[in-house]
Amino acid sequence: MLLRGYGTAGPWGWLTLLLVASAAWASEITFELPDNAKQCFYEEIVQGTKCTLEFQVITGGHYDVDCRLEGPDGAVLYKEMKKQYDSFTFTASRNGTYKFCFSNEFSTFTHKTVYFDFQVGEDPPLFPSENRATALTQMESACVSIHEALKSVIDYQTHFRLREAQSRSRAEDLNTRVAYWSIGEAIILLVVSIGQVFLLKSFFSDKRTTTTRVAS
């Protein structure tokens, strides 16, 4: 499978990922999406192939991004604005190049970190003769069950890693805001303290001047 990506940001120009060809293709990419930028990826898909696109914004701003999926004829198959995460499954209606884009053009100063998983086709059978008419042996059935369970574990681990990365980003952002707020409070407290000292001095200075004038 050849997955190509093109974006409007200079450093992210062309992105090419070559994976081993098999009955099922899967691409998992995490990339930086600068502000006012758009990143597109292209995939050659055969008619009748089942595909799934899943994405999530890990860091940046309100953790949202625009996503758009188009068919070879330019028809819009999926379009969502300012989504934090989502999943979309479709079956290719024709042969050709399918394009899906992530846009951060609505943001003027915040860049995003986006993860997506694009799966094309079904997983090949674990055993070459799995689709035979006869039933699987007990050992083959156990292997298939273990294989499916391990795939679920991998999916859960990926989602937990993404949640952990997003939570860590939120915690670091909150920690930065608290630090700035604490510094601001310290500065305000220092200014108020100095102001109170000068204010008290002015009271005693006025009293001393009034007493001197009365004595004269």
N, C-alpha and C. Protein backbone atom coordinates (compact mmCIF):
# COMPACT_ATOMS: atom_id res chain seq x y z
N MET A 1 0.83 -1.18 0.00
CA MET A 1 0.00 0.00 0.00
C MET A 1 0.87 1.23 0.00
N LEU A 2 0.48 2.20 -0.78
CA LEU A 2 1.20 3.46 -0.84
C LEU A 2 0.29 4.57 -0.40
N LEU A 3 0.63 5.22 0.69
CA LEU A 3 -0.17 6.31 1.23
C LEU A 3 0.60 7.59 1.03
N ARG A 4 0.00 8.54 0.34
CA ARG A 4 0.67 9.80 0.07
C ARG A 4 -0.06 10.92 0.79
N GLY A 5 0.73 11.88 1.27
CA GLY A 5 0.13 13.01 1.95
C GLY A 5 0.67 14.31 1.40
N TYR A 6 -0.19 15.31 1.32
CA TYR A 6 0.23 16.62 0.86
C TYR A 6 -0.44 17.69 1.70
N GLY A 7 0.35 18.66 2.13
CA GLY A 7 -0.19 19.72 2.97
C GLY A 7 0.22 21.08 2.47
N THR A 8 -0.45 22.11 2.98
CA THR A 8 -0.14 23.47 2.56
C THR A 8 1.07 24.02 3.28
N ALA A 9 1.46 23.42 4.40
CA ALA A 9 2.62 23.91 5.15
C ALA A 9 3.89 23.40 4.49
N GLY A 10 4.89 24.28 4.35
CA GLY A 10 6.12 23.96 3.67
C GLY A 10 6.83 22.73 4.20
N PRO A 11 7.20 22.68 5.49
CA PRO A 11 7.97 21.56 6.01
C PRO A 11 7.27 20.23 5.89
N TRP A 12 5.95 20.28 5.71
CA TRP A 12 5.21 19.01 5.70
C TRP A 12 4.89 18.56 4.29
N GLY A 13 5.34 19.31 3.27
CA GLY A 13 5.17 19.01 1.85
C GLY A 13 4.61 17.65 1.53
N TRP A 14 5.44 16.75 0.99
CA TRP A 14 5.00 15.40 0.64
C TRP A 14 5.39 14.42 1.73
N LEU A 15 4.46 13.63 2.12
CA LEU A 15 4.70 12.59 3.13
C LEU A 15 4.33 11.25 2.52
N THR A 16 5.28 10.33 2.49
CA THR A 16 5.05 9.03 1.85
C THR A 16 5.32 7.92 2.84
N LEU A 17 4.40 7.02 2.92
CA LEU A 17 4.54 5.87 3.81
C LEU A 17 4.29 4.61 3.01
N LEU A 18 5.28 3.73 2.96
CA LEU A 18 5.16 2.48 2.22
C LEU A 18 5.08 1.33 3.20
N LEU A 19 4.00 0.59 3.14
CA LEU A 19 3.80 -0.54 4.03
C LEU A 19 3.78 -1.84 3.21
N VAL A 20 3.94 -2.95 3.92
CA VAL A 20 3.93 -4.24 3.25
C VAL A 20 2.53 -4.55 2.74
N ALA A 21 2.46 -4.95 1.48
CA ALA A 21 1.16 -5.24 0.87
C ALA A 21 0.59 -6.52 1.45
N SER A 22 -0.71 -6.49 1.74
CA SER A 22 -1.40 -7.66 2.25
C SER A 22 -2.86 -7.53 1.90
N ALA A 23 -3.66 -8.49 2.33
CA ALA A 23 -5.09 -8.44 2.04
C ALA A 23 -5.74 -7.26 2.74
N ALA A 24 -5.21 -6.85 3.86
CA ALA A 24 -5.73 -5.70 4.59
C ALA A 24 -4.60 -4.72 4.82
N TRP A 25 -4.88 -3.43 4.62
CA TRP A 25 -3.88 -2.39 4.81
C TRP A 25 -4.30 -1.53 5.99
N ALA A 26 -3.34 -1.07 6.74
CA ALA A 26 -3.64 -0.19 7.87
C ALA A 26 -2.51 0.82 8.01
N SER A 27 -2.88 2.07 8.16
CA SER A 27 -1.90 3.14 8.32
C SER A 27 -2.22 3.90 9.59
N GLU A 28 -1.25 4.03 10.45
CA GLU A 28 -1.38 4.82 11.68
C GLU A 28 -0.31 5.90 11.66
N ILE A 29 -0.72 7.14 11.64
CA ILE A 29 0.21 8.26 11.54
C ILE A 29 -0.17 9.32 12.57
N THR A 30 0.82 9.86 13.21
CA THR A 30 0.65 11.03 14.09
C THR A 30 1.49 12.15 13.50
N PHE A 31 0.88 13.29 13.23
CA PHE A 31 1.59 14.38 12.56
C PHE A 31 1.19 15.73 13.16
N GLU A 32 2.05 16.71 12.94
CA GLU A 32 1.80 18.08 13.39
C GLU A 32 1.03 18.83 12.31
N LEU A 33 -0.02 19.51 12.71
CA LEU A 33 -0.82 20.32 11.79
C LEU A 33 -0.73 21.78 12.23
N PRO A 34 0.10 22.59 11.55
CA PRO A 34 0.28 23.99 11.97
C PRO A 34 -1.00 24.80 11.83
N ASP A 35 -1.00 25.99 12.41
CA ASP A 35 -2.15 26.88 12.27
C ASP A 35 -2.27 27.34 10.83
N ASN A 36 -3.51 27.58 10.40
CA ASN A 36 -3.83 28.00 9.03
C ASN A 36 -3.29 27.01 7.99
N ALA A 37 -3.22 25.73 8.33
CA ALA A 37 -2.67 24.72 7.44
C ALA A 37 -3.69 23.63 7.16
N LYS A 38 -3.42 22.89 6.08
CA LYS A 38 -4.28 21.79 5.68
C LYS A 38 -3.40 20.64 5.20
N GLN A 39 -3.68 19.42 5.66
CA GLN A 39 -2.90 18.24 5.30
C GLN A 39 -3.82 17.21 4.67
N CYS A 40 -3.45 16.73 3.47
CA CYS A 40 -4.27 15.76 2.76
C CYS A 40 -3.49 14.48 2.51
N PHE A 41 -4.20 13.37 2.48
CA PHE A 41 -3.62 12.05 2.21
C PHE A 41 -4.43 11.37 1.12
N TYR A 42 -3.74 10.57 0.32
CA TYR A 42 -4.38 9.93 -0.83
C TYR A 42 -4.15 8.43 -0.77
N GLU A 43 -5.18 7.68 -1.15
CA GLU A 43 -5.10 6.22 -1.09
C GLU A 43 -5.81 5.60 -2.30
N GLU A 44 -5.13 4.68 -2.97
CA GLU A 44 -5.72 3.93 -4.07
C GLU A 44 -6.53 2.76 -3.48
N ILE A 45 -7.81 2.72 -3.78
CA ILE A 45 -8.70 1.71 -3.21
C ILE A 45 -9.48 1.04 -4.33
N VAL A 46 -9.64 -0.27 -4.20
CA VAL A 46 -10.39 -1.05 -5.18
C VAL A 46 -11.87 -1.06 -4.82
N GLN A 47 -12.71 -1.06 -5.83
CA GLN A 47 -14.16 -1.06 -5.61
C GLN A 47 -14.60 -2.24 -4.75
N GLY A 48 -15.52 -1.96 -3.82
CA GLY A 48 -16.05 -2.99 -2.94
C GLY A 48 -15.24 -3.22 -1.68
N THR A 49 -14.13 -2.49 -1.51
CA THR A 49 -13.29 -2.66 -0.33
C THR A 49 -13.86 -1.86 0.84
N LYS A 50 -13.94 -2.49 1.98
CA LYS A 50 -14.43 -1.83 3.18
C LYS A 50 -13.28 -1.07 3.86
N CYS A 51 -13.51 0.19 4.19
CA CYS A 51 -12.47 1.04 4.77
C CYS A 51 -13.00 1.73 6.03
N THR A 52 -12.08 2.03 6.93
CA THR A 52 -12.43 2.72 8.17
C THR A 52 -11.40 3.81 8.44
N LEU A 53 -11.88 5.01 8.67
CA LEU A 53 -11.02 6.14 9.02
C LEU A 53 -11.35 6.57 10.45
N GLU A 54 -10.36 6.56 11.30
CA GLU A 54 -10.51 6.97 12.70
C GLU A 54 -9.43 8.00 13.01
N PHE A 55 -9.81 9.09 13.66
CA PHE A 55 -8.85 10.13 13.98
C PHE A 55 -9.13 10.73 15.35
N GLN A 56 -8.11 11.37 15.90
CA GLN A 56 -8.23 12.04 17.20
C GLN A 56 -7.17 13.13 17.29
N VAL A 57 -7.57 14.29 17.82
CA VAL A 57 -6.63 15.38 18.04
C VAL A 57 -6.02 15.20 19.43
N ILE A 58 -4.69 15.13 19.47
CA ILE A 58 -4.01 14.83 20.73
C ILE A 58 -3.68 16.10 21.49
N THR A 59 -3.15 17.10 20.82
CA THR A 59 -2.77 18.35 21.49
C THR A 59 -3.16 19.53 20.62
N GLY A 60 -3.27 20.69 21.30
CA GLY A 60 -3.47 21.94 20.58
C GLY A 60 -4.85 22.54 20.73
N GLY A 61 -4.89 23.80 21.20
CA GLY A 61 -6.14 24.56 21.24
C GLY A 61 -7.26 23.85 21.96
N HIS A 62 -8.40 23.78 21.30
CA HIS A 62 -9.56 23.09 21.85
C HIS A 62 -9.62 21.63 21.40
N TYR A 63 -8.51 21.10 20.91
CA TYR A 63 -8.41 19.69 20.50
C TYR A 63 -9.45 19.36 19.43
N ASP A 64 -9.57 20.23 18.43
CA ASP A 64 -10.52 20.01 17.36
C ASP A 64 -9.88 20.27 16.00
N VAL A 65 -10.45 19.65 14.96
CA VAL A 65 -9.92 19.77 13.61
C VAL A 65 -11.05 19.50 12.62
N ASP A 66 -10.94 20.04 11.42
CA ASP A 66 -11.89 19.74 10.35
C ASP A 66 -11.40 18.53 9.57
N CYS A 67 -12.33 17.64 9.21
CA CYS A 67 -11.97 16.44 8.45
C CYS A 67 -12.93 16.28 7.27
N ARG A 68 -12.36 15.91 6.13
CA ARG A 68 -13.15 15.77 4.90
C ARG A 68 -12.62 14.58 4.10
N LEU A 69 -13.53 13.71 3.64
CA LEU A 69 -13.18 12.54 2.85
C LEU A 69 -13.91 12.61 1.51
N GLU A 70 -13.15 12.45 0.42
CA GLU A 70 -13.72 12.55 -0.92
C GLU A 70 -13.40 11.30 -1.73
N GLY A 71 -14.33 10.93 -2.63
CA GLY A 71 -14.12 9.80 -3.51
C GLY A 71 -13.36 10.20 -4.76
N PRO A 72 -13.10 9.25 -5.66
CA PRO A 72 -12.37 9.55 -6.89
C PRO A 72 -13.07 10.57 -7.77
N ASP A 73 -14.41 10.63 -7.70
CA ASP A 73 -15.17 11.56 -8.52
C ASP A 73 -15.37 12.91 -7.84
N GLY A 74 -14.75 13.10 -6.67
CA GLY A 74 -14.89 14.37 -5.95
C GLY A 74 -16.08 14.42 -5.02
N ALA A 75 -16.88 13.36 -4.98
CA ALA A 75 -18.05 13.34 -4.10
C ALA A 75 -17.60 13.28 -2.64
N VAL A 76 -18.25 14.07 -1.80
CA VAL A 76 -17.91 14.13 -0.38
C VAL A 76 -18.58 12.98 0.36
N LEU A 77 -17.76 12.08 0.88
CA LEU A 77 -18.27 10.93 1.63
C LEU A 77 -18.41 11.22 3.11
N TYR A 78 -17.59 12.11 3.61
CA TYR A 78 -17.59 12.41 5.05
C TYR A 78 -17.06 13.82 5.22
N LYS A 79 -17.73 14.59 6.07
CA LYS A 79 -17.29 15.96 6.35
C LYS A 79 -17.76 16.36 7.73
N GLU A 80 -16.81 16.72 8.59
CA GLU A 80 -17.11 17.17 9.94
C GLU A 80 -16.24 18.38 10.27
N MET A 81 -16.82 19.32 10.99
CA MET A 81 -16.12 20.55 11.35
C MET A 81 -15.82 20.56 12.85
N LYS A 82 -14.58 20.89 13.17
CA LYS A 82 -14.14 21.06 14.56
C LYS A 82 -14.50 19.85 15.43
N LYS A 83 -14.04 18.69 15.00
CA LYS A 83 -14.26 17.46 15.75
C LYS A 83 -12.99 17.11 16.52
N GLN A 84 -13.17 16.63 17.75
CA GLN A 84 -12.04 16.19 18.56
C GLN A 84 -11.62 14.78 18.17
N TYR A 85 -12.58 13.93 17.89
CA TYR A 85 -12.29 12.57 17.47
C TYR A 85 -13.54 12.01 16.78
N ASP A 86 -13.32 11.03 15.91
CA ASP A 86 -14.46 10.42 15.24
C ASP A 86 -13.98 9.19 14.47
N SER A 87 -14.94 8.38 14.03
CA SER A 87 -14.65 7.18 13.24
C SER A 87 -15.69 7.06 12.15
N PHE A 88 -15.24 6.72 10.93
CA PHE A 88 -16.15 6.62 9.79
C PHE A 88 -15.79 5.39 8.96
N THR A 89 -16.80 4.57 8.68
CA THR A 89 -16.61 3.35 7.89
C THR A 89 -17.41 3.46 6.59
N PHE A 90 -16.79 3.08 5.48
CA PHE A 90 -17.47 3.13 4.19
C PHE A 90 -16.95 2.01 3.31
N THR A 91 -17.70 1.73 2.24
CA THR A 91 -17.30 0.75 1.23
C THR A 91 -17.06 1.48 -0.08
N ALA A 92 -15.90 1.28 -0.66
CA ALA A 92 -15.54 1.99 -1.89
C ALA A 92 -16.53 1.64 -3.01
N SER A 93 -17.11 2.66 -3.60
CA SER A 93 -18.11 2.46 -4.65
C SER A 93 -17.49 2.31 -6.03
N ARG A 94 -16.20 2.68 -6.15
CA ARG A 94 -15.52 2.57 -7.44
C ARG A 94 -14.01 2.54 -7.23
N ASN A 95 -13.30 2.12 -8.24
CA ASN A 95 -11.84 2.13 -8.18
C ASN A 95 -11.33 3.56 -8.33
N GLY A 96 -10.22 3.85 -7.66
CA GLY A 96 -9.64 5.17 -7.81
C GLY A 96 -8.94 5.65 -6.57
N THR A 97 -8.57 6.92 -6.61
CA THR A 97 -7.84 7.54 -5.52
C THR A 97 -8.80 8.27 -4.60
N TYR A 98 -8.80 7.89 -3.34
CA TYR A 98 -9.64 8.53 -2.33
C TYR A 98 -8.78 9.50 -1.53
N LYS A 99 -9.34 10.64 -1.22
CA LYS A 99 -8.59 11.70 -0.52
C LYS A 99 -9.28 12.06 0.78
N PHE A 100 -8.49 12.14 1.86
CA PHE A 100 -9.03 12.65 3.12
C PHE A 100 -8.07 13.71 3.66
N CYS A 101 -8.65 14.80 4.13
CA CYS A 101 -7.88 15.97 4.54
C CYS A 101 -8.23 16.37 5.96
N PHE A 102 -7.22 16.88 6.65
CA PHE A 102 -7.40 17.46 7.98
C PHE A 102 -7.02 18.94 7.89
N SER A 103 -7.91 19.79 8.34
CA SER A 103 -7.70 21.23 8.20
C SER A 103 -7.69 21.91 9.56
N ASN A 104 -6.73 22.82 9.72
CA ASN A 104 -6.64 23.67 10.90
C ASN A 104 -6.66 25.13 10.48
N GLU A 105 -7.32 25.39 9.35
CA GLU A 105 -7.34 26.74 8.78
C GLU A 105 -8.16 27.71 9.61
N PHE A 106 -9.03 27.21 10.47
CA PHE A 106 -9.82 28.10 11.30
C PHE A 106 -9.03 28.63 12.50
N SER A 107 -7.86 28.04 12.77
CA SER A 107 -7.04 28.48 13.90
C SER A 107 -5.96 29.43 13.41
N THR A 108 -5.78 30.55 14.10
CA THR A 108 -4.84 31.57 13.65
C THR A 108 -3.48 31.48 14.32
N PHE A 109 -3.37 30.78 15.46
CA PHE A 109 -2.08 30.75 16.13
C PHE A 109 -1.80 29.43 16.85
N THR A 110 -2.71 28.48 16.84
CA THR A 110 -2.54 27.23 17.57
C THR A 110 -2.33 26.07 16.61
N HIS A 111 -1.23 25.35 16.76
CA HIS A 111 -1.00 24.16 15.94
C HIS A 111 -1.53 22.94 16.69
N LYS A 112 -1.82 21.89 15.94
CA LYS A 112 -2.43 20.69 16.50
C LYS A 112 -1.54 19.47 16.22
N THR A 113 -1.70 18.45 17.05
CA THR A 113 -1.11 17.15 16.81
C THR A 113 -2.25 16.17 16.57
N VAL A 114 -2.27 15.57 15.39
CA VAL A 114 -3.40 14.73 14.97
C VAL A 114 -2.93 13.30 14.75
N TYR A 115 -3.71 12.37 15.22
CA TYR A 115 -3.48 10.93 14.99
C TYR A 115 -4.62 10.39 14.14
N PHE A 116 -4.30 9.56 13.15
CA PHE A 116 -5.35 8.89 12.41
C PHE A 116 -4.94 7.46 12.09
N ASP A 117 -5.94 6.62 11.97
CA ASP A 117 -5.78 5.21 11.63
C ASP A 117 -6.69 4.92 10.45
N PHE A 118 -6.09 4.60 9.30
CA PHE A 118 -6.86 4.34 8.09
C PHE A 118 -6.69 2.87 7.71
N GLN A 119 -7.78 2.10 7.82
CA GLN A 119 -7.77 0.67 7.54
C GLN A 119 -8.49 0.40 6.23
N VAL A 120 -7.84 -0.36 5.37
CA VAL A 120 -8.40 -0.70 4.06
C VAL A 120 -8.50 -2.21 3.93
N GLY A 121 -9.70 -2.72 3.74
CA GLY A 121 -9.89 -4.15 3.56
C GLY A 121 -10.04 -4.90 4.87
N GLU A 122 -10.35 -6.16 4.75
CA GLU A 122 -10.52 -7.03 5.90
C GLU A 122 -9.22 -7.77 6.20
N ASP A 123 -9.04 -8.16 7.45
CA ASP A 123 -7.86 -8.93 7.82
C ASP A 123 -7.88 -10.29 7.12
N PRO A 124 -6.73 -10.76 6.65
CA PRO A 124 -6.68 -12.08 6.02
C PRO A 124 -6.94 -13.17 7.05
N PRO A 125 -7.42 -14.32 6.63
CA PRO A 125 -7.67 -15.41 7.59
C PRO A 125 -6.37 -15.87 8.24
N LEU A 126 -6.48 -16.25 9.48
CA LEU A 126 -5.30 -16.69 10.22
C LEU A 126 -4.73 -17.97 9.63
N PHE A 127 -5.62 -18.86 9.17
CA PHE A 127 -5.20 -20.10 8.53
C PHE A 127 -5.65 -20.08 7.07
N PRO A 128 -4.82 -20.53 6.15
CA PRO A 128 -5.20 -20.54 4.72
C PRO A 128 -6.49 -21.30 4.46
N SER A 129 -6.76 -22.31 5.27
CA SER A 129 -7.95 -23.13 5.05
C SER A 129 -9.07 -22.79 6.03
N GLU A 130 -9.04 -21.54 6.54
CA GLU A 130 -10.02 -21.17 7.57
C GLU A 130 -11.44 -21.13 7.01
N ASN A 131 -11.57 -20.81 5.71
CA ASN A 131 -12.89 -20.69 5.10
C ASN A 131 -13.38 -22.00 4.50
N ARG A 132 -12.74 -23.09 4.87
CA ARG A 132 -13.15 -24.38 4.33
C ARG A 132 -14.50 -24.79 4.92
N ALA A 133 -15.11 -25.77 4.29
CA ALA A 133 -16.46 -26.19 4.70
C ALA A 133 -16.45 -26.91 6.04
N THR A 134 -15.37 -27.64 6.32
CA THR A 134 -15.31 -28.39 7.57
C THR A 134 -15.00 -27.45 8.73
N ALA A 135 -15.33 -27.91 9.94
CA ALA A 135 -15.12 -27.09 11.13
C ALA A 135 -13.63 -27.05 11.48
N LEU A 136 -13.27 -25.98 12.18
CA LEU A 136 -11.89 -25.84 12.63
C LEU A 136 -11.61 -26.80 13.78
N THR A 137 -10.37 -27.19 13.90
CA THR A 137 -9.99 -28.03 15.03
C THR A 137 -9.98 -27.18 16.30
N GLN A 138 -9.91 -27.85 17.43
CA GLN A 138 -9.91 -27.14 18.71
C GLN A 138 -8.70 -26.21 18.82
N MET A 139 -7.54 -26.65 18.34
CA MET A 139 -6.35 -25.82 18.39
C MET A 139 -6.49 -24.61 17.47
N GLU A 140 -7.05 -24.80 16.28
CA GLU A 140 -7.24 -23.69 15.35
C GLU A 140 -8.23 -22.67 15.91
N SER A 141 -9.31 -23.17 16.51
CA SER A 141 -10.29 -22.27 17.11
C SER A 141 -9.67 -21.45 18.24
N ALA A 142 -8.85 -22.09 19.06
CA ALA A 142 -8.18 -21.38 20.15
C ALA A 142 -7.23 -20.32 19.60
N CYS A 143 -6.51 -20.65 18.52
CA CYS A 143 -5.59 -19.67 17.93
C CYS A 143 -6.34 -18.47 17.36
N VAL A 144 -7.48 -18.75 16.71
CA VAL A 144 -8.28 -17.65 16.17
C VAL A 144 -8.80 -16.76 17.29
N SER A 145 -9.28 -17.36 18.38
CA SER A 145 -9.78 -16.57 19.51
C SER A 145 -8.67 -15.73 20.13
N ILE A 146 -7.50 -16.32 20.29
CA ILE A 146 -6.37 -15.57 20.85
C ILE A 146 -5.96 -14.43 19.92
N HIS A 147 -5.97 -14.71 18.62
CA HIS A 147 -5.62 -13.68 17.63
C HIS A 147 -6.58 -12.49 17.71
N GLU A 148 -7.87 -12.76 17.77
CA GLU A 148 -8.86 -11.69 17.86
C GLU A 148 -8.71 -10.91 19.17
N ALA A 149 -8.44 -11.64 20.27
CA ALA A 149 -8.26 -10.97 21.56
C ALA A 149 -7.04 -10.06 21.54
N LEU A 150 -5.96 -10.51 20.91
CA LEU A 150 -4.74 -9.69 20.84
C LEU A 150 -4.97 -8.44 20.00
N LYS A 151 -5.77 -8.57 18.93
CA LYS A 151 -6.08 -7.38 18.13
C LYS A 151 -6.87 -6.37 18.96
N SER A 152 -7.79 -6.86 19.77
CA SER A 152 -8.55 -5.96 20.65
C SER A 152 -7.63 -5.28 21.66
N VAL A 153 -6.68 -6.05 22.20
CA VAL A 153 -5.73 -5.48 23.15
C VAL A 153 -4.91 -4.37 22.50
N ILE A 154 -4.47 -4.59 21.26
CA ILE A 154 -3.69 -3.57 20.55
C ILE A 154 -4.52 -2.31 20.35
N ASP A 155 -5.80 -2.47 19.98
CA ASP A 155 -6.67 -1.31 19.80
C ASP A 155 -6.86 -0.55 21.11
N TYR A 156 -7.10 -1.28 22.20
CA TYR A 156 -7.26 -0.64 23.50
C TYR A 156 -5.99 0.09 23.93
N GLN A 157 -4.85 -0.53 23.70
CA GLN A 157 -3.58 0.11 24.06
C GLN A 157 -3.38 1.41 23.28
N THR A 158 -3.72 1.39 22.00
CA THR A 158 -3.59 2.60 21.19
C THR A 158 -4.48 3.71 21.72
N HIS A 159 -5.72 3.38 22.03
CA HIS A 159 -6.65 4.39 22.54
C HIS A 159 -6.20 4.91 23.91
N PHE A 160 -5.70 4.03 24.76
CA PHE A 160 -5.24 4.47 26.07
C PHE A 160 -4.01 5.36 25.95
N ARG A 161 -3.11 5.04 25.00
CA ARG A 161 -1.94 5.89 24.79
C ARG A 161 -2.36 7.28 24.32
N LEU A 162 -3.34 7.33 23.43
CA LEU A 162 -3.82 8.62 22.94
C LEU A 162 -4.47 9.42 24.07
N ARG A 163 -5.27 8.75 24.88
CA ARG A 163 -5.90 9.45 26.01
C ARG A 163 -4.85 9.94 27.00
N GLU A 164 -3.83 9.10 27.23
CA GLU A 164 -2.77 9.50 28.16
C GLU A 164 -2.01 10.71 27.62
N ALA A 165 -1.72 10.71 26.32
CA ALA A 165 -1.02 11.85 25.72
C ALA A 165 -1.87 13.11 25.77
N GLN A 166 -3.16 12.96 25.50
CA GLN A 166 -4.05 14.12 25.55
C GLN A 166 -4.20 14.64 26.98
N SER A 167 -4.34 13.74 27.94
CA SER A 167 -4.47 14.15 29.34
C SER A 167 -3.19 14.82 29.83
N ARG A 168 -2.03 14.29 29.41
CA ARG A 168 -0.77 14.91 29.81
C ARG A 168 -0.64 16.32 29.23
N SER A 169 -1.08 16.48 27.99
CA SER A 169 -1.05 17.80 27.37
C SER A 169 -1.96 18.78 28.11
N ARG A 170 -3.15 18.31 28.47
CA ARG A 170 -4.06 19.17 29.22
C ARG A 170 -3.47 19.53 30.58
N ALA A 171 -2.85 18.55 31.26
CA ALA A 171 -2.26 18.81 32.58
C ALA A 171 -1.11 19.81 32.48
N GLU A 172 -0.27 19.66 31.45
CA GLU A 172 0.84 20.60 31.28
C GLU A 172 0.33 22.01 30.97
N ASP A 173 -0.71 22.08 30.15
CA ASP A 173 -1.30 23.39 29.85
C ASP A 173 -1.89 24.02 31.10
N LEU A 174 -2.59 23.21 31.90
CA LEU A 174 -3.17 23.73 33.14
C LEU A 174 -2.08 24.16 34.11
N ASN A 175 -1.00 23.38 34.20
CA ASN A 175 0.11 23.73 35.08
C ASN A 175 0.75 25.05 34.66
N THR A 176 0.88 25.27 33.35
CA THR A 176 1.44 26.53 32.86
C THR A 176 0.54 27.70 33.23
N ARG A 177 -0.77 27.52 33.07
CA ARG A 177 -1.70 28.60 33.41
C ARG A 177 -1.67 28.92 34.91
N VAL A 178 -1.60 27.86 35.73
CA VAL A 178 -1.53 28.07 37.18
C VAL A 178 -0.25 28.80 37.55
N ALA A 179 0.86 28.44 36.90
CA ALA A 179 2.14 29.10 37.19
C ALA A 179 2.07 30.58 36.84
N TYR A 180 1.54 30.89 35.67
CA TYR A 180 1.41 32.30 35.27
C TYR A 180 0.47 33.06 36.21
N TRP A 181 -0.62 32.40 36.61
CA TRP A 181 -1.57 33.05 37.52
C TRP A 181 -0.91 33.30 38.87
N SER A 182 -0.12 32.37 39.35
CA SER A 182 0.57 32.54 40.63
C SER A 182 1.58 33.69 40.55
N ILE A 183 2.31 33.76 39.43
CA ILE A 183 3.26 34.87 39.26
C ILE A 183 2.53 36.20 39.22
N GLY A 184 1.38 36.24 38.51
CA GLY A 184 0.59 37.48 38.47
C GLY A 184 0.08 37.88 39.85
N GLU A 185 -0.39 36.91 40.62
CA GLU A 185 -0.85 37.22 41.97
C GLU A 185 0.29 37.73 42.85
N ALA A 186 1.47 37.13 42.71
CA ALA A 186 2.63 37.59 43.49
C ALA A 186 3.00 39.02 43.15
N ILE A 187 2.97 39.35 41.86
CA ILE A 187 3.30 40.71 41.44
C ILE A 187 2.26 41.70 41.97
N ILE A 188 0.98 41.33 41.86
CA ILE A 188 -0.09 42.21 42.37
C ILE A 188 0.06 42.41 43.87
N LEU A 189 0.33 41.32 44.61
CA LEU A 189 0.51 41.43 46.06
C LEU A 189 1.69 42.33 46.40
N LEU A 190 2.78 42.24 45.65
CA LEU A 190 3.95 43.09 45.90
C LEU A 190 3.63 44.55 45.63
N VAL A 191 2.93 44.82 44.56
CA VAL A 191 2.57 46.20 44.22
C VAL A 191 1.63 46.79 45.27
N VAL A 192 0.65 45.99 45.71
CA VAL A 192 -0.29 46.46 46.74
C VAL A 192 0.44 46.73 48.05
N SER A 193 1.38 45.86 48.43
CA SER A 193 2.14 46.06 49.67
C SER A 193 2.96 47.33 49.62
N ILE A 194 3.65 47.55 48.52
CA ILE A 194 4.45 48.78 48.37
C ILE A 194 3.54 50.00 48.39
N GLY A 195 2.39 49.90 47.73
CA GLY A 195 1.45 51.02 47.72
C GLY A 195 0.94 51.34 49.12
N GLN A 196 0.65 50.31 49.93
CA GLN A 196 0.19 50.54 51.28
C GLN A 196 1.27 51.22 52.13
N VAL A 197 2.53 50.82 51.94
CA VAL A 197 3.61 51.45 52.69
C VAL A 197 3.70 52.93 52.36
N PHE A 198 3.68 53.28 51.10
CA PHE A 198 3.75 54.70 50.70
C PHE A 198 2.51 55.46 51.16
N LEU A 199 1.35 54.80 51.16
CA LEU A 199 0.13 55.46 51.61
C LEU A 199 0.20 55.77 53.10
N LEU A 200 0.68 54.83 53.91
CA LEU A 200 0.82 55.07 55.35
C LEU A 200 1.84 56.16 55.63
N LYS A 201 2.93 56.17 54.88
CA LYS A 201 3.94 57.22 55.05
C LYS A 201 3.37 58.60 54.74
N SER A 202 2.53 58.65 53.72
CA SER A 202 1.93 59.94 53.36
C SER A 202 1.01 60.45 54.48
N PHE A 203 0.31 59.56 55.19
CA PHE A 203 -0.55 59.97 56.29
C PHE A 203 0.28 60.62 57.41
N PHE A 204 1.37 59.98 57.82
CA PHE A 204 2.20 60.52 58.90
C PHE A 204 2.93 61.79 58.46
N SER A 205 3.30 61.87 57.21
CA SER A 205 3.97 63.07 56.71
C SER A 205 3.04 64.26 56.74
N ASP A 206 1.78 64.07 56.36
CA ASP A 206 0.81 65.17 56.40
C ASP A 206 0.54 65.61 57.83
N LYS A 207 0.51 64.67 58.77
CA LYS A 207 0.24 65.01 60.18
C LYS A 207 1.40 65.82 60.77
N ARG A 208 2.66 65.44 60.44
CA ARG A 208 3.82 66.15 60.94
C ARG A 208 3.85 67.58 60.39
N THR A 209 3.49 67.74 59.13
CA THR A 209 3.49 69.09 58.53
C THR A 209 2.42 69.97 59.16
N THR A 210 1.26 69.39 59.48
CA THR A 210 0.17 70.17 60.09
C THR A 210 0.57 70.57 61.51
N THR A 211 1.23 69.73 62.26
CA THR A 211 1.65 70.06 63.62
C THR A 211 2.70 71.16 63.63
N THR A 212 3.59 71.14 62.69
CA THR A 212 4.61 72.17 62.60
C THR A 212 3.99 73.53 62.30
N ARG A 213 3.03 73.56 61.44
CA ARG A 213 2.36 74.81 61.10
C ARG A 213 1.59 75.37 62.30
N VAL A 214 0.93 74.55 63.09
CA VAL A 214 0.17 75.01 64.26
C VAL A 214 1.13 75.59 65.30
N ALA A 215 2.26 74.94 65.51
CA ALA A 215 3.24 75.40 66.50
C ALA A 215 3.81 76.77 66.11
N SER A 216 3.96 76.99 64.84
CA SER A 216 4.47 78.28 64.38
C SER A 216 3.44 79.38 64.66
